[in-house]
Amino acid sequence: MKQLEVQIMQQSYLLGCPEGREARLLDAVERVDTAMTRIRDAGKVRARERIAVLAALNLAFELADREAAELAAAAHVPPLSAAAPMGTTGTDAAMLPQSTERLQALVQRIDDVLGSDGHLL
């Protein structure tokens, strides 16, 4: 296993990487760094662990949308409605307020657990 030193939000990390997968790891590092930097630069969140959690949630949400789109395409489901938000069909759009509420509740629970401790990462 190869080790790579990378930078995420100006902090160095030494990561293990299987041989031949360096490009994929560097792409993942770039995505995480971009997501975290975007959240930090928005100015609302300063604690590194909160930035990391929000970035992880955003990336997981994007991945779930992509997987749902791939499943829909594999099942030959009609294309997404232009009126519905990205990743939702007409049926899913009715569930969007509930999903948004659940996501907001999850973010609130994470904030409550993390509290004011901004020194973990």
N, C-alpha and C. Protein backbone atom coordinates (compact mmCIF):
# COMPACT_ATOMS: atom_id res chain seq x y z
N MET A 1 0.85 -1.17 0.00
CA MET A 1 0.00 0.00 0.00
C MET A 1 0.90 1.23 0.00
N LYS A 2 0.56 2.15 -0.85
CA LYS A 2 1.30 3.39 -0.98
C LYS A 2 0.73 4.44 -0.03
N GLN A 3 1.57 5.36 0.42
CA GLN A 3 1.10 6.46 1.26
C GLN A 3 1.26 7.77 0.50
N LEU A 4 0.21 8.59 0.59
CA LEU A 4 0.22 9.90 -0.06
C LEU A 4 -0.01 10.97 0.99
N GLU A 5 0.74 12.05 0.89
CA GLU A 5 0.48 13.20 1.74
C GLU A 5 -0.38 14.17 0.95
N VAL A 6 -1.51 14.55 1.53
CA VAL A 6 -2.45 15.44 0.85
C VAL A 6 -2.77 16.62 1.76
N GLN A 7 -3.36 17.64 1.18
CA GLN A 7 -3.78 18.83 1.91
C GLN A 7 -5.29 18.98 1.77
N ILE A 8 -5.95 19.14 2.92
CA ILE A 8 -7.38 19.45 2.93
C ILE A 8 -7.54 20.66 3.84
N MET A 9 -8.04 21.74 3.30
CA MET A 9 -8.17 23.01 4.02
C MET A 9 -6.85 23.38 4.72
N GLN A 10 -5.78 23.33 3.97
CA GLN A 10 -4.44 23.71 4.41
C GLN A 10 -3.92 22.86 5.57
N GLN A 11 -4.47 21.66 5.75
CA GLN A 11 -3.96 20.76 6.77
C GLN A 11 -3.49 19.49 6.09
N SER A 12 -2.31 19.01 6.47
CA SER A 12 -1.72 17.82 5.86
C SER A 12 -2.29 16.55 6.47
N TYR A 13 -2.48 15.56 5.61
CA TYR A 13 -2.92 14.23 6.02
C TYR A 13 -2.09 13.21 5.26
N LEU A 14 -1.67 12.16 5.94
CA LEU A 14 -0.95 11.06 5.31
C LEU A 14 -1.96 9.92 5.16
N LEU A 15 -2.26 9.56 3.91
CA LEU A 15 -3.31 8.58 3.63
C LEU A 15 -2.72 7.35 2.97
N GLY A 16 -3.23 6.18 3.36
CA GLY A 16 -2.87 4.95 2.68
C GLY A 16 -3.70 4.79 1.42
N CYS A 17 -3.08 4.25 0.39
CA CYS A 17 -3.78 4.13 -0.89
C CYS A 17 -3.30 2.87 -1.61
N PRO A 18 -4.22 2.04 -2.10
CA PRO A 18 -3.81 0.86 -2.87
C PRO A 18 -3.06 1.29 -4.13
N GLU A 19 -2.08 0.50 -4.51
CA GLU A 19 -1.30 0.78 -5.72
C GLU A 19 -2.24 0.93 -6.92
N GLY A 20 -1.97 1.94 -7.73
CA GLY A 20 -2.75 2.17 -8.94
C GLY A 20 -4.03 2.96 -8.72
N ARG A 21 -4.36 3.30 -7.48
CA ARG A 21 -5.60 4.03 -7.20
C ARG A 21 -5.32 5.46 -6.76
N GLU A 22 -4.09 5.93 -6.96
CA GLU A 22 -3.70 7.26 -6.52
C GLU A 22 -4.56 8.36 -7.14
N ALA A 23 -4.82 8.26 -8.42
CA ALA A 23 -5.61 9.30 -9.11
C ALA A 23 -7.01 9.39 -8.52
N ARG A 24 -7.61 8.25 -8.23
CA ARG A 24 -8.95 8.25 -7.65
C ARG A 24 -8.94 8.86 -6.25
N LEU A 25 -7.92 8.54 -5.46
CA LEU A 25 -7.82 9.12 -4.11
C LEU A 25 -7.62 10.63 -4.20
N LEU A 26 -6.75 11.07 -5.10
CA LEU A 26 -6.52 12.51 -5.25
C LEU A 26 -7.77 13.24 -5.71
N ASP A 27 -8.56 12.60 -6.55
CA ASP A 27 -9.84 13.18 -6.97
C ASP A 27 -10.78 13.31 -5.76
N ALA A 28 -10.83 12.28 -4.92
CA ALA A 28 -11.67 12.33 -3.72
C ALA A 28 -11.20 13.42 -2.77
N VAL A 29 -9.90 13.56 -2.61
CA VAL A 29 -9.34 14.61 -1.75
C VAL A 29 -9.74 15.98 -2.29
N GLU A 30 -9.66 16.16 -3.59
CA GLU A 30 -10.04 17.44 -4.20
C GLU A 30 -11.51 17.75 -3.96
N ARG A 31 -12.37 16.74 -4.08
CA ARG A 31 -13.80 16.94 -3.84
C ARG A 31 -14.06 17.34 -2.39
N VAL A 32 -13.41 16.64 -1.46
CA VAL A 32 -13.60 16.95 -0.04
C VAL A 32 -13.08 18.34 0.27
N ASP A 33 -11.89 18.66 -0.24
CA ASP A 33 -11.30 19.98 0.01
C ASP A 33 -12.20 21.08 -0.55
N THR A 34 -12.71 20.88 -1.75
CA THR A 34 -13.60 21.87 -2.37
C THR A 34 -14.88 22.04 -1.56
N ALA A 35 -15.48 20.92 -1.15
CA ALA A 35 -16.72 20.98 -0.37
C ALA A 35 -16.50 21.68 0.97
N MET A 36 -15.41 21.34 1.65
CA MET A 36 -15.14 21.95 2.95
C MET A 36 -14.79 23.43 2.81
N THR A 37 -14.01 23.76 1.80
CA THR A 37 -13.63 25.16 1.59
C THR A 37 -14.85 26.01 1.26
N ARG A 38 -15.75 25.47 0.46
CA ARG A 38 -16.97 26.20 0.10
C ARG A 38 -17.79 26.51 1.35
N ILE A 39 -17.92 25.53 2.25
CA ILE A 39 -18.69 25.74 3.48
C ILE A 39 -17.98 26.76 4.36
N ARG A 40 -16.66 26.63 4.51
CA ARG A 40 -15.91 27.57 5.34
C ARG A 40 -16.01 28.98 4.78
N ASP A 41 -15.87 29.12 3.47
CA ASP A 41 -15.89 30.44 2.85
C ASP A 41 -17.27 31.10 2.89
N ALA A 42 -18.31 30.30 3.06
CA ALA A 42 -19.65 30.87 3.20
C ALA A 42 -19.74 31.66 4.51
N GLY A 43 -18.84 31.37 5.45
CA GLY A 43 -18.71 32.17 6.65
C GLY A 43 -19.64 31.84 7.79
N LYS A 44 -20.51 30.85 7.63
CA LYS A 44 -21.48 30.55 8.68
C LYS A 44 -20.94 29.52 9.68
N VAL A 45 -20.01 28.69 9.25
CA VAL A 45 -19.49 27.62 10.10
C VAL A 45 -17.98 27.77 10.16
N ARG A 46 -17.43 27.71 11.36
CA ARG A 46 -15.99 27.86 11.53
C ARG A 46 -15.31 26.61 12.06
N ALA A 47 -16.01 25.82 12.87
CA ALA A 47 -15.40 24.64 13.48
C ALA A 47 -15.13 23.59 12.40
N ARG A 48 -13.90 23.10 12.38
CA ARG A 48 -13.50 22.15 11.34
C ARG A 48 -14.36 20.89 11.32
N GLU A 49 -14.71 20.36 12.50
CA GLU A 49 -15.48 19.11 12.50
C GLU A 49 -16.89 19.35 11.98
N ARG A 50 -17.47 20.51 12.23
CA ARG A 50 -18.79 20.82 11.67
C ARG A 50 -18.70 20.98 10.16
N ILE A 51 -17.66 21.63 9.71
CA ILE A 51 -17.44 21.77 8.26
C ILE A 51 -17.30 20.39 7.64
N ALA A 52 -16.53 19.50 8.29
CA ALA A 52 -16.33 18.15 7.76
C ALA A 52 -17.64 17.37 7.73
N VAL A 53 -18.44 17.47 8.77
CA VAL A 53 -19.73 16.75 8.81
C VAL A 53 -20.67 17.28 7.73
N LEU A 54 -20.76 18.59 7.59
CA LEU A 54 -21.64 19.16 6.57
C LEU A 54 -21.16 18.79 5.17
N ALA A 55 -19.85 18.82 4.96
CA ALA A 55 -19.31 18.42 3.65
C ALA A 55 -19.63 16.96 3.37
N ALA A 56 -19.45 16.11 4.38
CA ALA A 56 -19.76 14.68 4.21
C ALA A 56 -21.24 14.48 3.88
N LEU A 57 -22.12 15.20 4.58
CA LEU A 57 -23.55 15.10 4.29
C LEU A 57 -23.87 15.55 2.88
N ASN A 58 -23.27 16.66 2.46
CA ASN A 58 -23.51 17.16 1.10
C ASN A 58 -23.04 16.16 0.06
N LEU A 59 -21.84 15.60 0.25
CA LEU A 59 -21.30 14.63 -0.70
C LEU A 59 -22.14 13.35 -0.71
N ALA A 60 -22.58 12.89 0.47
CA ALA A 60 -23.42 11.69 0.54
C ALA A 60 -24.76 11.93 -0.13
N PHE A 61 -25.31 13.13 0.05
CA PHE A 61 -26.58 13.47 -0.58
C PHE A 61 -26.44 13.47 -2.11
N GLU A 62 -25.35 14.06 -2.61
CA GLU A 62 -25.09 14.06 -4.05
C GLU A 62 -24.93 12.64 -4.57
N LEU A 63 -24.22 11.81 -3.83
CA LEU A 63 -24.02 10.42 -4.23
C LEU A 63 -25.36 9.67 -4.27
N ALA A 64 -26.20 9.88 -3.26
CA ALA A 64 -27.51 9.24 -3.23
C ALA A 64 -28.36 9.67 -4.42
N ASP A 65 -28.29 10.97 -4.76
CA ASP A 65 -29.03 11.45 -5.94
C ASP A 65 -28.53 10.76 -7.20
N ARG A 66 -27.22 10.65 -7.33
CA ARG A 66 -26.65 9.99 -8.52
C ARG A 66 -27.07 8.53 -8.60
N GLU A 67 -27.01 7.84 -7.45
CA GLU A 67 -27.40 6.43 -7.43
C GLU A 67 -28.87 6.27 -7.78
N ALA A 68 -29.72 7.15 -7.26
CA ALA A 68 -31.15 7.09 -7.57
C ALA A 68 -31.38 7.33 -9.06
N ALA A 69 -30.64 8.27 -9.63
CA ALA A 69 -30.78 8.55 -11.06
C ALA A 69 -30.33 7.35 -11.89
N GLU A 70 -29.25 6.70 -11.47
CA GLU A 70 -28.77 5.52 -12.19
C GLU A 70 -29.77 4.37 -12.09
N LEU A 71 -30.35 4.19 -10.91
CA LEU A 71 -31.36 3.14 -10.75
C LEU A 71 -32.58 3.44 -11.60
N ALA A 72 -33.00 4.70 -11.62
CA ALA A 72 -34.15 5.08 -12.44
C ALA A 72 -33.86 4.85 -13.92
N ALA A 73 -32.64 5.19 -14.34
CA ALA A 73 -32.27 4.99 -15.74
C ALA A 73 -32.23 3.50 -16.07
N ALA A 74 -31.73 2.70 -15.14
CA ALA A 74 -31.66 1.26 -15.37
C ALA A 74 -33.05 0.64 -15.43
N ALA A 75 -34.00 1.22 -14.72
CA ALA A 75 -35.37 0.71 -14.71
C ALA A 75 -36.20 1.34 -15.82
N HIS A 76 -35.57 2.15 -16.66
CA HIS A 76 -36.24 2.83 -17.77
C HIS A 76 -37.38 3.73 -17.30
N VAL A 77 -37.15 4.42 -16.19
CA VAL A 77 -38.12 5.37 -15.67
C VAL A 77 -38.03 6.63 -16.52
N PRO A 78 -39.15 7.30 -16.80
CA PRO A 78 -39.09 8.53 -17.59
C PRO A 78 -38.16 9.56 -16.94
N PRO A 79 -37.61 10.49 -17.73
CA PRO A 79 -36.70 11.49 -17.18
C PRO A 79 -37.36 12.31 -16.08
N LEU A 80 -36.51 12.93 -15.27
CA LEU A 80 -36.99 13.75 -14.17
C LEU A 80 -37.76 14.95 -14.70
N SER A 81 -38.77 15.34 -13.97
CA SER A 81 -39.57 16.51 -14.33
C SER A 81 -38.75 17.76 -14.14
N ALA A 82 -38.85 18.70 -15.06
CA ALA A 82 -38.12 19.96 -14.94
C ALA A 82 -38.63 20.77 -13.76
N ALA A 83 -39.89 20.55 -13.37
CA ALA A 83 -40.45 21.32 -12.26
C ALA A 83 -39.99 20.79 -10.90
N ALA A 84 -39.60 19.52 -10.84
CA ALA A 84 -39.17 18.94 -9.57
C ALA A 84 -37.69 19.22 -9.35
N PRO A 85 -37.27 19.35 -8.09
CA PRO A 85 -35.86 19.55 -7.80
C PRO A 85 -35.04 18.38 -8.32
N MET A 86 -33.74 18.62 -8.56
CA MET A 86 -32.86 17.59 -9.10
C MET A 86 -32.91 16.35 -8.22
N GLY A 87 -33.06 15.20 -8.85
CA GLY A 87 -33.06 13.95 -8.12
C GLY A 87 -34.44 13.52 -7.65
N THR A 88 -35.50 14.25 -8.04
CA THR A 88 -36.84 13.85 -7.63
C THR A 88 -37.71 13.66 -8.85
N THR A 89 -38.62 12.72 -8.76
CA THR A 89 -39.63 12.54 -9.80
C THR A 89 -40.91 13.17 -9.28
N GLY A 90 -41.95 13.13 -10.05
CA GLY A 90 -43.21 13.70 -9.61
C GLY A 90 -43.68 13.07 -8.31
N THR A 91 -43.54 11.74 -8.17
CA THR A 91 -43.92 11.05 -6.94
C THR A 91 -43.02 11.47 -5.79
N ASP A 92 -41.71 11.55 -6.07
CA ASP A 92 -40.76 11.94 -5.03
C ASP A 92 -40.98 13.39 -4.59
N ALA A 93 -41.43 14.23 -5.50
CA ALA A 93 -41.61 15.64 -5.17
C ALA A 93 -42.60 15.82 -4.02
N ALA A 94 -43.59 14.93 -3.94
CA ALA A 94 -44.55 15.01 -2.84
C ALA A 94 -43.88 14.70 -1.52
N MET A 95 -42.81 13.91 -1.55
CA MET A 95 -42.09 13.54 -0.33
C MET A 95 -41.01 14.55 0.02
N LEU A 96 -40.72 15.50 -0.86
CA LEU A 96 -39.62 16.44 -0.65
C LEU A 96 -39.73 17.22 0.66
N PRO A 97 -40.90 17.79 1.02
CA PRO A 97 -40.96 18.52 2.29
C PRO A 97 -40.61 17.63 3.48
N GLN A 98 -41.06 16.38 3.46
CA GLN A 98 -40.74 15.46 4.55
C GLN A 98 -39.24 15.17 4.56
N SER A 99 -38.64 14.96 3.40
CA SER A 99 -37.21 14.69 3.32
C SER A 99 -36.41 15.90 3.79
N THR A 100 -36.84 17.09 3.41
CA THR A 100 -36.16 18.31 3.83
C THR A 100 -36.24 18.47 5.34
N GLU A 101 -37.40 18.19 5.90
CA GLU A 101 -37.56 18.28 7.36
C GLU A 101 -36.66 17.28 8.05
N ARG A 102 -36.58 16.06 7.52
CA ARG A 102 -35.72 15.04 8.12
C ARG A 102 -34.26 15.45 8.05
N LEU A 103 -33.85 16.02 6.91
CA LEU A 103 -32.47 16.46 6.77
C LEU A 103 -32.16 17.59 7.74
N GLN A 104 -33.08 18.54 7.87
CA GLN A 104 -32.88 19.65 8.82
C GLN A 104 -32.82 19.13 10.25
N ALA A 105 -33.64 18.15 10.58
CA ALA A 105 -33.62 17.56 11.92
C ALA A 105 -32.29 16.85 12.17
N LEU A 106 -31.78 16.17 11.14
CA LEU A 106 -30.49 15.49 11.26
C LEU A 106 -29.36 16.50 11.48
N VAL A 107 -29.35 17.57 10.73
CA VAL A 107 -28.33 18.60 10.90
C VAL A 107 -28.43 19.22 12.28
N GLN A 108 -29.65 19.44 12.77
CA GLN A 108 -29.82 19.99 14.12
C GLN A 108 -29.29 19.03 15.17
N ARG A 109 -29.56 17.73 15.01
CA ARG A 109 -29.04 16.74 15.96
C ARG A 109 -27.52 16.72 15.95
N ILE A 110 -26.93 16.84 14.77
CA ILE A 110 -25.47 16.87 14.68
C ILE A 110 -24.94 18.11 15.39
N ASP A 111 -25.56 19.25 15.15
CA ASP A 111 -25.15 20.48 15.83
C ASP A 111 -25.26 20.33 17.34
N ASP A 112 -26.35 19.71 17.81
CA ASP A 112 -26.54 19.54 19.25
C ASP A 112 -25.46 18.64 19.84
N VAL A 113 -25.12 17.56 19.13
CA VAL A 113 -24.10 16.64 19.63
C VAL A 113 -22.73 17.31 19.63
N LEU A 114 -22.43 18.04 18.57
CA LEU A 114 -21.11 18.68 18.49
C LEU A 114 -20.99 19.83 19.48
N GLY A 115 -22.11 20.48 19.76
CA GLY A 115 -22.08 21.60 20.70
C GLY A 115 -21.09 22.66 20.29
N SER A 116 -20.39 23.21 21.25
CA SER A 116 -19.44 24.27 20.96
C SER A 116 -18.01 23.75 20.83
N ASP A 117 -17.84 22.43 20.88
CA ASP A 117 -16.51 21.84 20.80
C ASP A 117 -16.03 21.88 19.35
N GLY A 118 -15.23 22.85 19.02
CA GLY A 118 -14.75 22.99 17.65
C GLY A 118 -13.30 22.59 17.51
N HIS A 119 -12.80 21.72 18.36
CA HIS A 119 -11.37 21.43 18.36
C HIS A 119 -11.05 19.98 18.06
N LEU A 120 -12.01 19.20 17.53
CA LEU A 120 -11.75 17.80 17.28
C LEU A 120 -10.85 17.57 16.07
N LEU A 121 -11.01 18.36 15.03
CA LEU A 121 -10.20 18.17 13.82
C LEU A 121 -9.27 19.34 13.62
